Amino acid sequence: VQLQASGGGLVQAGGSLRLSCKASGTTFRFNGNGWYRQAPGKQRELVANISSGGDTIYADSVKDRFTISRDNRVNTMNLQMVSLKPEDTARYYCSVVRWGRTFWGQGTLVTVSS
């Protein structure tokens, strides 16, 4: 399984970004698909998760601002982020759990300036 995240960058507070995660060796049709983030000096935390049935879970800090989705046609998982805040600055990782093992992408850096 390989995951390739993209879409990060520098944006001003209040702006938007769309992250994408392309998978090979698996699809996002199963359970255990998510976006995580890790800010400098902090632990990695769950941002959003999407199940095989399309049910979603969000961290309280991003509810109503971030939207997780998947596109099975091109085997990608996306994270639409709006109303970005400086505290959203972090490296964002996509992740899947398959066969009891967690796979991580390399991460994409999001920097939100005030």
PDB file of N, CA and C in Angstrom:
ATOM      1  N   VAL A   1       0.849  -1.198   0.000  1.00  0.00           N
ATOM      2  CA  VAL A   1       0.000   0.000   0.000  1.00  0.00           C
ATOM      3  C   VAL A   1       0.882   1.243   0.000  1.00  0.00           C
ATOM      4  N   GLN A   2       0.563   2.157  -0.915  1.00  0.00           N
ATOM      5  CA  GLN A   2       1.259   3.438  -0.923  1.00  0.00           C
ATOM      6  C   GLN A   2       0.232   4.558  -0.994  1.00  0.00           C
ATOM      7  N   LEU A   3       0.499   5.607  -0.223  1.00  0.00           N
ATOM      8  CA  LEU A   3      -0.381   6.754  -0.182  1.00  0.00           C
ATOM      9  C   LEU A   3       0.413   8.001  -0.519  1.00  0.00           C
ATOM     10  N   GLN A   4      -0.122   8.820  -1.406  1.00  0.00           N
ATOM     11  CA  GLN A   4       0.565  10.036  -1.826  1.00  0.00           C
ATOM     12  C   GLN A   4      -0.348  11.228  -1.589  1.00  0.00           C
ATOM     13  N   ALA A   5       0.026  12.062  -0.622  1.00  0.00           N
ATOM     14  CA  ALA A   5      -0.772  13.243  -0.293  1.00  0.00           C
ATOM     15  C   ALA A   5      -0.246  14.460  -1.038  1.00  0.00           C
ATOM     16  N   SER A   6      -1.142  15.338  -1.386  1.00  0.00           N
ATOM     17  CA  SER A   6      -0.770  16.573  -2.078  1.00  0.00           C
ATOM     18  C   SER A   6      -1.788  17.656  -1.763  1.00  0.00           C
ATOM     19  N   GLY A   7      -1.445  18.888  -2.139  1.00  0.00           N
ATOM     20  CA  GLY A   7      -2.388  19.984  -2.007  1.00  0.00           C
ATOM     21  C   GLY A   7      -2.081  20.978  -0.908  1.00  0.00           C
ATOM     22  N   GLY A   8      -1.069  20.704  -0.109  1.00  0.00           N
ATOM     23  CA  GLY A   8      -0.717  21.629   0.955  1.00  0.00           C
ATOM     24  C   GLY A   8      -0.094  22.897   0.404  1.00  0.00           C
ATOM     25  N   GLY A   9       0.106  23.875   1.286  1.00  0.00           N
ATOM     26  CA  GLY A   9       0.708  25.120   0.868  1.00  0.00           C
ATOM     27  C   GLY A   9       0.550  26.193   1.924  1.00  0.00           C
ATOM     28  N   LEU A  10       0.870  27.401   1.528  1.00  0.00           N
ATOM     29  CA  LEU A  10       0.760  28.568   2.402  1.00  0.00           C
ATOM     30  C   LEU A  10      -0.505  29.333   2.040  1.00  0.00           C
ATOM     31  N   VAL A  11      -1.311  29.625   3.044  1.00  0.00           N
ATOM     32  CA  VAL A  11      -2.561  30.342   2.815  1.00  0.00           C
ATOM     33  C   VAL A  11      -2.796  31.295   3.969  1.00  0.00           C
ATOM     34  N   GLN A  12      -3.481  32.380   3.691  1.00  0.00           N
ATOM     35  CA  GLN A  12      -3.820  33.325   4.747  1.00  0.00           C
ATOM     36  C   GLN A  12      -5.006  32.818   5.557  1.00  0.00           C
ATOM     37  N   ALA A  13      -5.100  33.276   6.777  1.00  0.00           N
ATOM     38  CA  ALA A  13      -6.242  32.922   7.617  1.00  0.00           C
ATOM     39  C   ALA A  13      -7.536  33.290   6.903  1.00  0.00           C
ATOM     40  N   GLY A  14      -8.499  32.383   6.994  1.00  0.00           N
ATOM     41  CA  GLY A  14      -9.756  32.565   6.295  1.00  0.00           C
ATOM     42  C   GLY A  14      -9.788  31.940   4.918  1.00  0.00           C
ATOM     43  N   GLY A  15      -8.637  31.505   4.448  1.00  0.00           N
ATOM     44  CA  GLY A  15      -8.547  30.915   3.117  1.00  0.00           C
ATOM     45  C   GLY A  15      -8.925  29.447   3.095  1.00  0.00           C
ATOM     46  N   SER A  16      -8.745  28.844   1.917  1.00  0.00           N
ATOM     47  CA  SER A  16      -9.144  27.456   1.708  1.00  0.00           C
ATOM     48  C   SER A  16      -8.029  26.677   1.029  1.00  0.00           C
ATOM     49  N   LEU A  17      -8.027  25.385   1.288  1.00  0.00           N
ATOM     50  CA  LEU A  17      -7.144  24.455   0.594  1.00  0.00           C
ATOM     51  C   LEU A  17      -7.890  23.139   0.428  1.00  0.00           C
ATOM     52  N   ARG A  18      -7.482  22.373  -0.583  1.00  0.00           N
ATOM     53  CA  ARG A  18      -8.036  21.043  -0.800  1.00  0.00           C
ATOM     54  C   ARG A  18      -6.883  20.048  -0.881  1.00  0.00           C
ATOM     55  N   LEU A  19      -6.855  19.134   0.065  1.00  0.00           N
ATOM     56  CA  LEU A  19      -5.846  18.089   0.083  1.00  0.00           C
ATOM     57  C   LEU A  19      -6.385  16.851  -0.616  1.00  0.00           C
ATOM     58  N   SER A  20      -5.484  16.149  -1.290  1.00  0.00           N
ATOM     59  CA  SER A  20      -5.858  14.897  -1.940  1.00  0.00           C
ATOM     60  C   SER A  20      -4.876  13.803  -1.547  1.00  0.00           C
ATOM     61  N   CYS A  21      -5.366  12.590  -1.484  1.00  0.00           N
ATOM     62  CA  CYS A  21      -4.541  11.426  -1.176  1.00  0.00           C
ATOM     63  C   CYS A  21      -4.826  10.362  -2.221  1.00  0.00           C
ATOM     64  N   LYS A  22      -3.806  10.005  -2.963  1.00  0.00           N
ATOM     65  CA  LYS A  22      -3.929   8.988  -3.995  1.00  0.00           C
ATOM     66  C   LYS A  22      -3.393   7.678  -3.457  1.00  0.00           C
ATOM     67  N   ALA A  23      -4.163   6.605  -3.594  1.00  0.00           N
ATOM     68  CA  ALA A  23      -3.752   5.306  -3.072  1.00  0.00           C
ATOM     69  C   ALA A  23      -3.387   4.352  -4.195  1.00  0.00           C
ATOM     70  N   SER A  24      -2.403   3.513  -3.910  1.00  0.00           N
ATOM     71  CA  SER A  24      -2.106   2.371  -4.766  1.00  0.00           C
ATOM     72  C   SER A  24      -1.984   1.158  -3.864  1.00  0.00           C
ATOM     73  N   GLY A  25      -2.424   0.030  -4.352  1.00  0.00           N
ATOM     74  CA  GLY A  25      -2.400  -1.180  -3.554  1.00  0.00           C
ATOM     75  C   GLY A  25      -3.621  -1.378  -2.676  1.00  0.00           C
ATOM     76  N   THR A  26      -4.519  -0.426  -2.690  1.00  0.00           N
ATOM     77  CA  THR A  26      -5.769  -0.528  -1.944  1.00  0.00           C
ATOM     78  C   THR A  26      -6.734   0.508  -2.510  1.00  0.00           C
ATOM     79  N   THR A  27      -7.953   0.492  -1.995  1.00  0.00           N
ATOM     80  CA  THR A  27      -8.919   1.529  -2.339  1.00  0.00           C
ATOM     81  C   THR A  27      -9.457   2.124  -1.048  1.00  0.00           C
ATOM     82  N   PHE A  28     -10.237   3.185  -1.187  1.00  0.00           N
ATOM     83  CA  PHE A  28     -10.834   3.828  -0.033  1.00  0.00           C
ATOM     84  C   PHE A  28     -12.268   3.343   0.189  1.00  0.00           C
ATOM     85  N   ARG A  29     -12.624   2.211  -0.416  1.00  0.00           N
ATOM     86  CA  ARG A  29     -13.977   1.672  -0.259  1.00  0.00           C
ATOM     87  C   ARG A  29     -14.169   0.976   1.081  1.00  0.00           C
ATOM     88  N   PHE A  30     -13.071   0.710   1.784  1.00  0.00           N
ATOM     89  CA  PHE A  30     -13.157  -0.021   3.043  1.00  0.00           C
ATOM     90  C   PHE A  30     -13.239   0.945   4.223  1.00  0.00           C
ATOM     91  N   ASN A  31     -13.374   0.410   5.413  1.00  0.00           N
ATOM     92  CA  ASN A  31     -13.297   1.222   6.628  1.00  0.00           C
ATOM     93  C   ASN A  31     -11.853   1.606   6.904  1.00  0.00           C
ATOM     94  N   GLY A  32     -11.688   2.550   7.829  1.00  0.00           N
ATOM     95  CA  GLY A  32     -10.347   2.878   8.292  1.00  0.00           C
ATOM     96  C   GLY A  32      -9.594   3.822   7.382  1.00  0.00           C
ATOM     97  N   ASN A  33     -10.262   4.865   6.900  1.00  0.00           N
ATOM     98  CA  ASN A  33      -9.603   5.869   6.063  1.00  0.00           C
ATOM     99  C   ASN A  33      -9.666   7.212   6.775  1.00  0.00           C
ATOM    100  N   GLY A  34      -8.537   7.885   6.878  1.00  0.00           N
ATOM    101  CA  GLY A  34      -8.584   9.132   7.607  1.00  0.00           C
ATOM    102  C   GLY A  34      -7.483  10.106   7.255  1.00  0.00           C
ATOM    103  N   TRP A  35      -7.700  11.321   7.687  1.00  0.00           N
ATOM    104  CA  TRP A  35      -6.688  12.374   7.637  1.00  0.00           C
ATOM    105  C   TRP A  35      -6.277  12.701   9.064  1.00  0.00           C
ATOM    106  N   TYR A  36      -4.989  12.822   9.273  1.00  0.00           N
ATOM    107  CA  TYR A  36      -4.419  13.211  10.553  1.00  0.00           C
ATOM    108  C   TYR A  36      -3.528  14.426  10.328  1.00  0.00           C
ATOM    109  N   ARG A  37      -3.171  15.063  11.423  1.00  0.00           N
ATOM    110  CA  ARG A  37      -2.226  16.173  11.311  1.00  0.00           C
ATOM    111  C   ARG A  37      -1.314  16.206  12.530  1.00  0.00           C
ATOM    112  N   GLN A  38      -0.149  16.771  12.308  1.00  0.00           N
ATOM    113  CA  GLN A  38       0.808  16.915  13.404  1.00  0.00           C
ATOM    114  C   GLN A  38       1.466  18.278  13.302  1.00  0.00           C
ATOM    115  N   ALA A  39       1.243  19.072  14.329  1.00  0.00           N
ATOM    116  CA  ALA A  39       1.873  20.382  14.415  1.00  0.00           C
ATOM    117  C   ALA A  39       3.212  20.242  15.136  1.00  0.00           C
ATOM    118  N   PRO A  40       4.128  21.173  14.920  1.00  0.00           N
ATOM    119  CA  PRO A  40       5.428  21.095  15.592  1.00  0.00           C
ATOM    120  C   PRO A  40       5.283  21.007  17.100  1.00  0.00           C
ATOM    121  N   GLY A  41       5.945  20.030  17.685  1.00  0.00           N
ATOM    122  CA  GLY A  41       5.918  19.880  19.127  1.00  0.00           C
ATOM    123  C   GLY A  41       4.666  19.243  19.690  1.00  0.00           C
ATOM    124  N   LYS A  42       3.776  18.808  18.806  1.00  0.00           N
ATOM    125  CA  LYS A  42       2.518  18.206  19.260  1.00  0.00           C
ATOM    126  C   LYS A  42       2.374  16.790  18.720  1.00  0.00           C
ATOM    127  N   GLN A  43       1.469  16.057  19.328  1.00  0.00           N
ATOM    128  CA  GLN A  43       1.212  14.694  18.875  1.00  0.00           C
ATOM    129  C   GLN A  43       0.332  14.707  17.626  1.00  0.00           C
ATOM    130  N   ARG A  44       0.455  13.652  16.861  1.00  0.00           N
ATOM    131  CA  ARG A  44      -0.406  13.504  15.695  1.00  0.00           C
ATOM    132  C   ARG A  44      -1.842  13.298  16.174  1.00  0.00           C
ATOM    133  N   GLU A  45      -2.792  13.957  15.505  1.00  0.00           N
ATOM    134  CA  GLU A  45      -4.188  13.866  15.913  1.00  0.00           C
ATOM    135  C   GLU A  45      -5.077  13.588  14.709  1.00  0.00           C
ATOM    136  N   LEU A  46      -6.184  12.931  14.994  1.00  0.00           N
ATOM    137  CA  LEU A  46      -7.159  12.651  13.950  1.00  0.00           C
ATOM    138  C   LEU A  46      -7.878  13.931  13.563  1.00  0.00           C
ATOM    139  N   VAL A  47      -7.983  14.173  12.271  1.00  0.00           N
ATOM    140  CA  VAL A  47      -8.731  15.309  11.753  1.00  0.00           C
ATOM    141  C   VAL A  47     -10.108  14.854  11.285  1.00  0.00           C
ATOM    142  N   ALA A  48     -10.141  13.812  10.468  1.00  0.00           N
ATOM    143  CA  ALA A  48     -11.404  13.323   9.917  1.00  0.00           C
ATOM    144  C   ALA A  48     -11.238  11.883   9.470  1.00  0.00           C
ATOM    145  N   ASN A  49     -12.362  11.167   9.486  1.00  0.00           N
ATOM    146  CA  ASN A  49     -12.368   9.761   9.113  1.00  0.00           C
ATOM    147  C   ASN A  49     -13.601   9.500   8.261  1.00  0.00           C
ATOM    148  N   ILE A  50     -13.471   8.603   7.285  1.00  0.00           N
ATOM    149  CA  ILE A  50     -14.616   8.230   6.471  1.00  0.00           C
ATOM    150  C   ILE A  50     -14.694   6.719   6.385  1.00  0.00           C
ATOM    151  N   SER A  51     -15.885   6.179   6.605  1.00  0.00           N
ATOM    152  CA  SER A  51     -16.065   4.731   6.628  1.00  0.00           C
ATOM    153  C   SER A  51     -16.434   4.205   5.243  1.00  0.00           C
ATOM    154  N   SER A  52     -16.533   2.883   5.153  1.00  0.00           N
ATOM    155  CA  SER A  52     -16.913   2.267   3.879  1.00  0.00           C
ATOM    156  C   SER A  52     -18.299   2.720   3.436  1.00  0.00           C
ATOM    157  N   GLY A  53     -19.154   3.008   4.409  1.00  0.00           N
ATOM    158  CA  GLY A  53     -20.504   3.445   4.087  1.00  0.00           C
ATOM    159  C   GLY A  53     -20.638   4.937   3.872  1.00  0.00           C
ATOM    160  N   GLY A  54     -19.529   5.649   4.017  1.00  0.00           N
ATOM    161  CA  GLY A  54     -19.564   7.091   3.815  1.00  0.00           C
ATOM    162  C   GLY A  54     -19.810   7.900   5.075  1.00  0.00           C
ATOM    163  N   ASP A  55     -19.923   7.209   6.203  1.00  0.00           N
ATOM    164  CA  ASP A  55     -20.079   7.946   7.466  1.00  0.00           C
ATOM    165  C   ASP A  55     -18.781   8.675   7.794  1.00  0.00           C
ATOM    166  N   THR A  56     -18.912   9.867   8.339  1.00  0.00           N
ATOM    167  CA  THR A  56     -17.742  10.694   8.613  1.00  0.00           C
ATOM    168  C   THR A  56     -17.670  11.082  10.079  1.00  0.00           C
ATOM    169  N   ILE A  57     -16.468  11.269  10.540  1.00  0.00           N
ATOM    170  CA  ILE A  57     -16.188  11.743  11.894  1.00  0.00           C
ATOM    171  C   ILE A  57     -15.180  12.869  11.772  1.00  0.00           C
ATOM    172  N   TYR A  58     -15.378  13.920  12.557  1.00  0.00           N
ATOM    173  CA  TYR A  58     -14.475  15.066  12.535  1.00  0.00           C
ATOM    174  C   TYR A  58     -14.019  15.413  13.943  1.00  0.00           C
ATOM    175  N   ALA A  59     -12.811  15.908  14.041  1.00  0.00           N
ATOM    176  CA  ALA A  59     -12.357  16.498  15.295  1.00  0.00           C
ATOM    177  C   ALA A  59     -13.201  17.734  15.554  1.00  0.00           C
ATOM    178  N   ASP A  60     -13.451  17.997  16.819  1.00  0.00           N
ATOM    179  CA  ASP A  60     -14.286  19.163  17.173  1.00  0.00           C
ATOM    180  C   ASP A  60     -13.704  20.453  16.603  1.00  0.00           C
ATOM    181  N   SER A  61     -12.392  20.524  16.548  1.00  0.00           N
ATOM    182  CA  SER A  61     -11.747  21.764  16.129  1.00  0.00           C
ATOM    183  C   SER A  61     -11.930  22.072  14.643  1.00  0.00           C
ATOM    184  N   VAL A  62     -12.353  21.086  13.856  1.00  0.00           N
ATOM    185  CA  VAL A  62     -12.495  21.320  12.410  1.00  0.00           C
ATOM    186  C   VAL A  62     -13.930  21.140  11.924  1.00  0.00           C
ATOM    187  N   LYS A  63     -14.837  20.756  12.808  1.00  0.00           N
ATOM    188  CA  LYS A  63     -16.231  20.566  12.395  1.00  0.00           C
ATOM    189  C   LYS A  63     -16.781  21.820  11.748  1.00  0.00           C
ATOM    190  N   ASP A  64     -17.544  21.638  10.709  1.00  0.00           N
ATOM    191  CA  ASP A  64     -18.186  22.717   9.951  1.00  0.00           C
ATOM    192  C   ASP A  64     -17.214  23.525   9.115  1.00  0.00           C
ATOM    193  N   ARG A  65     -15.927  23.161   9.137  1.00  0.00           N
ATOM    194  CA  ARG A  65     -14.941  23.842   8.292  1.00  0.00           C
ATOM    195  C   ARG A  65     -14.270  22.892   7.317  1.00  0.00           C
ATOM    196  N   PHE A  66     -14.101  21.642   7.715  1.00  0.00           N
ATOM    197  CA  PHE A  66     -13.420  20.649   6.882  1.00  0.00           C
ATOM    198  C   PHE A  66     -14.429  19.611   6.425  1.00  0.00           C
ATOM    199  N   THR A  67     -14.206  19.084   5.223  1.00  0.00           N
ATOM    200  CA  THR A  67     -15.060  18.033   4.687  1.00  0.00           C
ATOM    201  C   THR A  67     -14.194  16.939   4.071  1.00  0.00           C
ATOM    202  N   ILE A  68     -14.367  15.723   4.557  1.00  0.00           N
ATOM    203  CA  ILE A  68     -13.645  14.578   4.003  1.00  0.00           C
ATOM    204  C   ILE A  68     -14.538  13.893   2.973  1.00  0.00           C
ATOM    205  N   SER A  69     -13.933  13.438   1.902  1.00  0.00           N
ATOM    206  CA  SER A  69     -14.691  12.750   0.860  1.00  0.00           C
ATOM    207  C   SER A  69     -13.761  11.789   0.135  1.00  0.00           C
ATOM    208  N   ARG A  70     -14.345  10.979  -0.718  1.00  0.00           N
ATOM    209  CA  ARG A  70     -13.521  10.093  -1.543  1.00  0.00           C
ATOM    210  C   ARG A  70     -14.117  10.041  -2.940  1.00  0.00           C
ATOM    211  N   ASP A  71     -13.241   9.781  -3.890  1.00  0.00           N
ATOM    212  CA  ASP A  71     -13.660   9.634  -5.279  1.00  0.00           C
ATOM    213  C   ASP A  71     -13.175   8.271  -5.744  1.00  0.00           C
ATOM    214  N   ASN A  72     -14.070   7.323  -5.782  1.00  0.00           N
ATOM    215  CA  ASN A  72     -13.690   5.952  -6.120  1.00  0.00           C
ATOM    216  C   ASN A  72     -13.272   5.816  -7.578  1.00  0.00           C
ATOM    217  N   ARG A  73     -13.699   6.737  -8.418  1.00  0.00           N
ATOM    218  CA  ARG A  73     -13.340   6.656  -9.840  1.00  0.00           C
ATOM    219  C   ARG A  73     -11.836   6.820 -10.033  1.00  0.00           C
ATOM    220  N   VAL A  74     -11.236   7.669  -9.222  1.00  0.00           N
ATOM    221  CA  VAL A  74      -9.797   7.930  -9.363  1.00  0.00           C
ATOM    222  C   VAL A  74      -9.023   7.500  -8.116  1.00  0.00           C
ATOM    223  N   ASN A  75      -9.720   6.784  -7.220  1.00  0.00           N
ATOM    224  CA  ASN A  75      -9.094   6.209  -6.031  1.00  0.00           C
ATOM    225  C   ASN A  75      -8.362   7.247  -5.194  1.00  0.00           C
ATOM    226  N   THR A  76      -9.068   8.328  -4.885  1.00  0.00           N
ATOM    227  CA  THR A  76      -8.495   9.370  -4.035  1.00  0.00           C
ATOM    228  C   THR A  76      -9.409   9.666  -2.859  1.00  0.00           C
ATOM    229  N   MET A  77      -8.811  10.168  -1.801  1.00  0.00           N
ATOM    230  CA  MET A  77      -9.527  10.658  -0.630  1.00  0.00           C
ATOM    231  C   MET A  77      -9.143  12.121  -0.469  1.00  0.00           C
ATOM    232  N   ASN A  78     -10.118  12.960  -0.237  1.00  0.00           N
ATOM    233  CA  ASN A  78      -9.879  14.398  -0.225  1.00  0.00           C
ATOM    234  C   ASN A  78     -10.252  15.016   1.117  1.00  0.00           C
ATOM    235  N   LEU A  79      -9.668  16.176   1.380  1.00  0.00           N
ATOM    236  CA  LEU A  79     -10.022  16.952   2.566  1.00  0.00           C
ATOM    237  C   LEU A  79     -10.150  18.410   2.122  1.00  0.00           C
ATOM    238  N   GLN A  80     -11.382  18.869   2.052  1.00  0.00           N
ATOM    239  CA  GLN A  80     -11.636  20.263   1.710  1.00  0.00           C
ATOM    240  C   GLN A  80     -11.610  21.071   3.003  1.00  0.00           C
ATOM    241  N   MET A  81     -10.776  22.101   3.033  1.00  0.00           N
ATOM    242  CA  MET A  81     -10.604  22.899   4.240  1.00  0.00           C
ATOM    243  C   MET A  81     -10.949  24.353   3.913  1.00  0.00           C
ATOM    244  N   VAL A  82     -11.886  24.912   4.653  1.00  0.00           N
ATOM    245  CA  VAL A  82     -12.255  26.314   4.474  1.00  0.00           C
ATOM    246  C   VAL A  82     -12.118  27.029   5.807  1.00  0.00           C
ATOM    247  N   SER A  83     -12.161  28.347   5.745  1.00  0.00           N
ATOM    248  CA  SER A  83     -12.045  29.165   6.969  1.00  0.00           C
ATOM    249  C   SER A  83     -10.842  28.743   7.796  1.00  0.00           C
ATOM    250  N   LEU A  84      -9.719  28.591   7.134  1.00  0.00           N
ATOM    251  CA  LEU A  84      -8.523  28.108   7.821  1.00  0.00           C
ATOM    252  C   LEU A  84      -8.036  29.101   8.860  1.00  0.00           C
ATOM    253  N   LYS A  85      -7.487  28.546   9.941  1.00  0.00           N
ATOM    254  CA  LYS A  85      -6.987  29.328  11.059  1.00  0.00           C
ATOM    255  C   LYS A  85      -5.495  29.039  11.243  1.00  0.00           C
ATOM    256  N   PRO A  86      -4.766  29.954  11.846  1.00  0.00           N
ATOM    257  CA  PRO A  86      -3.341  29.680  12.096  1.00  0.00           C
ATOM    258  C   PRO A  86      -3.119  28.380  12.866  1.00  0.00           C
ATOM    259  N   GLU A  87      -4.034  28.030  13.741  1.00  0.00           N
ATOM    260  CA  GLU A  87      -3.879  26.799  14.522  1.00  0.00           C
ATOM    261  C   GLU A  87      -4.099  25.543  13.686  1.00  0.00           C
ATOM    262  N   ASP A  88      -4.495  25.689  12.441  1.00  0.00           N
ATOM    263  CA  ASP A  88      -4.585  24.539  11.531  1.00  0.00           C
ATOM    264  C   ASP A  88      -3.230  24.219  10.901  1.00  0.00           C
ATOM    265  N   THR A  89      -2.241  25.051  11.153  1.00  0.00           N
ATOM    266  CA  THR A  89      -0.906  24.819  10.607  1.00  0.00           C
ATOM    267  C   THR A  89      -0.342  23.502  11.125  1.00  0.00           C
ATOM    268  N   ALA A  90       0.023  22.632  10.195  1.00  0.00           N
ATOM    269  CA  ALA A  90       0.521  21.296  10.549  1.00  0.00           C
ATOM    270  C   ALA A  90       0.896  20.553   9.275  1.00  0.00           C
ATOM    271  N   ARG A  91       1.544  19.427   9.483  1.00  0.00           N
ATOM    272  CA  ARG A  91       1.711  18.493   8.358  1.00  0.00           C
ATOM    273  C   ARG A  91       0.536  17.529   8.400  1.00  0.00           C
ATOM    274  N   TYR A  92      -0.126  17.378   7.286  1.00  0.00           N
ATOM    275  CA  TYR A  92      -1.321  16.550   7.185  1.00  0.00           C
ATOM    276  C   TYR A  92      -0.983  15.225   6.506  1.00  0.00           C
ATOM    277  N   TYR A  93      -1.446  14.156   7.131  1.00  0.00           N
ATOM    278  CA  TYR A  93      -1.159  12.818   6.651  1.00  0.00           C
ATOM    279  C   TYR A  93      -2.463  12.085   6.334  1.00  0.00           C
ATOM    280  N   CYS A  94      -2.471  11.366   5.226  1.00  0.00           N
ATOM    281  CA  CYS A  94      -3.575  10.456   4.992  1.00  0.00           C
ATOM    282  C   CYS A  94      -3.173   9.072   5.472  1.00  0.00           C
ATOM    283  N   SER A  95      -4.155   8.300   5.858  1.00  0.00           N
ATOM    284  CA  SER A  95      -3.898   7.012   6.480  1.00  0.00           C
ATOM    285  C   SER A  95      -5.007   6.031   6.168  1.00  0.00           C
ATOM    286  N   VAL A  96      -4.621   4.771   6.037  1.00  0.00           N
ATOM    287  CA  VAL A  96      -5.602   3.694   5.926  1.00  0.00           C
ATOM    288  C   VAL A  96      -5.164   2.560   6.835  1.00  0.00           C
ATOM    289  N   VAL A  97      -6.140   1.807   7.314  1.00  0.00           N
ATOM    290  CA  VAL A  97      -5.864   0.615   8.108  1.00  0.00           C
ATOM    291  C   VAL A  97      -6.302  -0.595   7.303  1.00  0.00           C
ATOM    292  N   ARG A  98      -5.361  -1.463   7.007  1.00  0.00           N
ATOM    293  CA  ARG A  98      -5.634  -2.653   6.221  1.00  0.00           C
ATOM    294  C   ARG A  98      -4.932  -3.846   6.868  1.00  0.00           C
ATOM    295  N   TRP A  99      -5.672  -4.926   6.984  1.00  0.00           N
ATOM    296  CA  TRP A  99      -5.113  -6.168   7.544  1.00  0.00           C
ATOM    297  C   TRP A  99      -4.469  -5.929   8.913  1.00  0.00           C
ATOM    298  N   GLY A 100      -5.082  -5.062   9.695  1.00  0.00           N
ATOM    299  CA  GLY A 100      -4.596  -4.789  11.035  1.00  0.00           C
ATOM    300  C   GLY A 100      -3.377  -3.905  11.101  1.00  0.00           C
ATOM    301  N   ARG A 101      -2.997  -3.310   9.999  1.00  0.00           N
ATOM    302  CA  ARG A 101      -1.806  -2.482   9.947  1.00  0.00           C
ATOM    303  C   ARG A 101      -2.170  -1.094   9.440  1.00  0.00           C
ATOM    304  N   THR A 102      -1.522  -0.085  10.008  1.00  0.00           N
ATOM    305  CA  THR A 102      -1.772   1.292   9.593  1.00  0.00           C
ATOM    306  C   THR A 102      -0.713   1.730   8.588  1.00  0.00           C
ATOM    307  N   PHE A 103      -1.193   2.257   7.465  1.00  0.00           N
ATOM    308  CA  PHE A 103      -0.314   2.779   6.431  1.00  0.00           C
ATOM    309  C   PHE A 103      -0.447   4.301   6.394  1.00  0.00           C
ATOM    310  N   TRP A 104       0.691   4.979   6.218  1.00  0.00           N
ATOM    311  CA  TRP A 104       0.709   6.446   6.209  1.00  0.00           C
ATOM    312  C   TRP A 104       1.291   6.954   4.900  1.00  0.00           C
ATOM    313  N   GLY A 105       0.747   8.088   4.440  1.00  0.00           N
ATOM    314  CA  GLY A 105       1.386   8.811   3.366  1.00  0.00           C
ATOM    315  C   GLY A 105       2.514   9.648   3.931  1.00  0.00           C
ATOM    316  N   GLN A 106       3.214  10.366   3.062  1.00  0.00           N
ATOM    317  CA  GLN A 106       4.390  11.128   3.489  1.00  0.00           C
ATOM    318  C   GLN A 106       4.020  12.461   4.112  1.00  0.00           C
ATOM    319  N   GLY A 107       2.778  12.856   3.955  1.00  0.00           N
ATOM    320  CA  GLY A 107       2.336  14.114   4.530  1.00  0.00           C
ATOM    321  C   GLY A 107       2.484  15.294   3.590  1.00  0.00           C
ATOM    322  N   THR A 108       1.639  16.279   3.808  1.00  0.00           N
ATOM    323  CA  THR A 108       1.716  17.520   3.033  1.00  0.00           C
ATOM    324  C   THR A 108       1.559  18.676   4.012  1.00  0.00           C
ATOM    325  N   LEU A 109       2.410  19.686   3.873  1.00  0.00           N
ATOM    326  CA  LEU A 109       2.480  20.760   4.848  1.00  0.00           C
ATOM    327  C   LEU A 109       1.460  21.852   4.543  1.00  0.00           C
ATOM    328  N   VAL A 110       0.702  22.201   5.561  1.00  0.00           N
ATOM    329  CA  VAL A 110      -0.249  23.310   5.483  1.00  0.00           C
ATOM    330  C   VAL A 110       0.198  24.389   6.455  1.00  0.00           C
ATOM    331  N   THR A 111       0.384  25.586   5.938  1.00  0.00           N
ATOM    332  CA  THR A 111       0.781  26.713   6.770  1.00  0.00           C
ATOM    333  C   THR A 111      -0.245  27.826   6.596  1.00  0.00           C
ATOM    334  N   VAL A 112      -0.827  28.248   7.711  1.00  0.00           N
ATOM    335  CA  VAL A 112      -1.843  29.296   7.681  1.00  0.00           C
ATOM    336  C   VAL A 112      -1.271  30.524   8.379  1.00  0.00           C
ATOM    337  N   SER A 113      -1.150  31.596   7.654  1.00  0.00           N
ATOM    338  CA  SER A 113      -0.605  32.821   8.221  1.00  0.00           C
ATOM    339  C   SER A 113      -1.715  33.716   8.763  1.00  0.00           C
ATOM    340  N   SER A 114      -1.394  34.448   9.790  1.00  0.00           N
ATOM    341  CA  SER A 114      -2.409  35.323  10.416  1.00  0.00           C
ATOM    342  C   SER A 114      -2.399  36.704   9.789  1.00  0.00           C
TER     343      SER A 114
END
